[in-house]
């Protein structure tokens, strides 16, 4: 199992939230947490995925949106 952490800026979320949500549904990860940070309003979302290839693809797809970055780690 893999934990994928995606961070995005407030601007990135405002502009690409719908597209990001569609990608999240496509990879069928289990949502672990979602936080909107006070102050700069960036967002941090964590998902659990079964397959390392899916984790890599999920991060790559999200990185295509300005303001989004991601990492993954083994659980």
C-alpha atoms as a PDB file:
ATOM      1  CA  UNK A   1       0.000   0.000   0.000  1.00  0.00           C
ATOM      2  CA  UNK A   2       1.063   3.547  -0.712  1.00  0.00           C
ATOM      3  CA  UNK A   3       0.253   6.922   0.814  1.00  0.00           C
ATOM      4  CA  UNK A   4       0.037   9.723  -1.731  1.00  0.00           C
ATOM      5  CA  UNK A   5       0.263  13.291  -0.438  1.00  0.00           C
ATOM      6  CA  UNK A   6      -0.826  16.093  -2.754  1.00  0.00           C
ATOM      7  CA  UNK A   7      -0.317  19.758  -1.872  1.00  0.00           C
ATOM      8  CA  UNK A   8      -1.657  22.676  -3.811  1.00  0.00           C
ATOM      9  CA  UNK A   9      -1.753  26.426  -3.531  1.00  0.00           C
ATOM     10  CA  UNK A  10      -4.989  28.314  -2.968  1.00  0.00           C
ATOM     11  CA  UNK A  11      -4.815  29.550  -6.570  1.00  0.00           C
ATOM     12  CA  UNK A  12      -4.172  26.061  -7.901  1.00  0.00           C
ATOM     13  CA  UNK A  13      -7.188  24.731  -6.004  1.00  0.00           C
ATOM     14  CA  UNK A  14      -9.415  27.560  -7.182  1.00  0.00           C
ATOM     15  CA  UNK A  15      -8.460  26.961 -10.806  1.00  0.00           C
ATOM     16  CA  UNK A  16      -8.193  23.155 -10.919  1.00  0.00           C
ATOM     17  CA  UNK A  17     -10.274  21.652  -8.079  1.00  0.00           C
ATOM     18  CA  UNK A  18     -12.831  20.016 -10.370  1.00  0.00           C
ATOM     19  CA  UNK A  19     -10.149  18.448 -12.577  1.00  0.00           C
ATOM     20  CA  UNK A  20      -8.227  17.241  -9.526  1.00  0.00           C
ATOM     21  CA  UNK A  21     -11.352  15.627  -8.054  1.00  0.00           C
ATOM     22  CA  UNK A  22     -11.947  13.808 -11.348  1.00  0.00           C
ATOM     23  CA  UNK A  23      -8.401  12.433 -11.243  1.00  0.00           C
ATOM     24  CA  UNK A  24      -8.813  11.357  -7.611  1.00  0.00           C
ATOM     25  CA  UNK A  25     -11.951   9.410  -8.560  1.00  0.00           C
ATOM     26  CA  UNK A  26     -10.159   7.798 -11.509  1.00  0.00           C
ATOM     27  CA  UNK A  27      -7.465   6.296  -9.269  1.00  0.00           C
ATOM     28  CA  UNK A  28      -9.974   5.128  -6.637  1.00  0.00           C
ATOM     29  CA  UNK A  29      -7.731   5.900  -3.710  1.00  0.00           C
ATOM     30  CA  UNK A  30      -9.032   5.867  -0.170  1.00  0.00           C
ATOM     31  CA  UNK A  31      -9.056   9.443   1.183  1.00  0.00           C
ATOM     32  CA  UNK A  32      -7.052   9.607   4.415  1.00  0.00           C
ATOM     33  CA  UNK A  33      -7.189  13.326   5.112  1.00  0.00           C
ATOM     34  CA  UNK A  34      -7.844  16.705   3.563  1.00  0.00           C
ATOM     35  CA  UNK A  35      -6.752  19.952   5.154  1.00  0.00           C
ATOM     36  CA  UNK A  36      -7.123  23.580   4.214  1.00  0.00           C
ATOM     37  CA  UNK A  37      -4.379  25.526   5.933  1.00  0.00           C
ATOM     38  CA  UNK A  38      -5.259  28.791   7.575  1.00  0.00           C
ATOM     39  CA  UNK A  39      -3.224  31.743   6.457  1.00  0.00           C
ATOM     40  CA  UNK A  40      -2.116  30.838   2.939  1.00  0.00           C
ATOM     41  CA  UNK A  41      -5.145  28.549   2.299  1.00  0.00           C
ATOM     42  CA  UNK A  42      -3.054  25.866   0.597  1.00  0.00           C
ATOM     43  CA  UNK A  43      -4.495  22.365   0.690  1.00  0.00           C
ATOM     44  CA  UNK A  44      -2.937  19.070   1.697  1.00  0.00           C
ATOM     45  CA  UNK A  45      -4.715  15.865   0.706  1.00  0.00           C
ATOM     46  CA  UNK A  46      -3.663  12.298   1.489  1.00  0.00           C
ATOM     47  CA  UNK A  47      -4.851   9.112  -0.218  1.00  0.00           C
ATOM     48  CA  UNK A  48      -4.109   5.432   0.162  1.00  0.00           C
ATOM     49  CA  UNK A  49      -3.559   3.476  -3.042  1.00  0.00           C
ATOM     50  CA  UNK A  50      -2.858  -0.213  -3.517  1.00  0.00           C
ATOM     51  CA  UNK A  51      -0.596  -0.095  -6.568  1.00  0.00           C
ATOM     52  CA  UNK A  52       2.703   1.789  -6.819  1.00  0.00           C
ATOM     53  CA  UNK A  53       2.103   2.434 -10.532  1.00  0.00           C
ATOM     54  CA  UNK A  54      -1.203   4.107  -9.704  1.00  0.00           C
ATOM     55  CA  UNK A  55       0.512   6.233  -7.050  1.00  0.00           C
ATOM     56  CA  UNK A  56       3.123   7.390  -9.559  1.00  0.00           C
ATOM     57  CA  UNK A  57       0.524   8.126 -12.237  1.00  0.00           C
ATOM     58  CA  UNK A  58      -1.698   9.988  -9.771  1.00  0.00           C
ATOM     59  CA  UNK A  59       1.167  12.276  -8.794  1.00  0.00           C
ATOM     60  CA  UNK A  60       2.169  12.849 -12.416  1.00  0.00           C
ATOM     61  CA  UNK A  61      -1.408  13.716 -13.377  1.00  0.00           C
ATOM     62  CA  UNK A  62      -1.711  16.181 -10.495  1.00  0.00           C
ATOM     63  CA  UNK A  63       1.662  17.773 -11.246  1.00  0.00           C
ATOM     64  CA  UNK A  64       0.280  18.853 -14.626  1.00  0.00           C
ATOM     65  CA  UNK A  65      -1.795  21.468 -12.785  1.00  0.00           C
ATOM     66  CA  UNK A  66       0.044  24.657 -11.794  1.00  0.00           C
ATOM     67  CA  UNK A  67       0.428  24.895  -8.029  1.00  0.00           C
ATOM     68  CA  UNK A  68       0.115  21.114  -7.389  1.00  0.00           C
ATOM     69  CA  UNK A  69       2.928  18.886  -6.127  1.00  0.00           C
ATOM     70  CA  UNK A  70       2.881  15.371  -4.760  1.00  0.00           C
ATOM     71  CA  UNK A  71       4.920  12.637  -3.113  1.00  0.00           C
ATOM     72  CA  UNK A  72       4.220   9.062  -2.173  1.00  0.00           C
ATOM     73  CA  UNK A  73       5.581   6.629   0.390  1.00  0.00           C
ATOM     74  CA  UNK A  74       5.112   3.021   1.368  1.00  0.00           C
ATOM     75  CA  UNK A  75       2.688   2.245   4.190  1.00  0.00           C
END
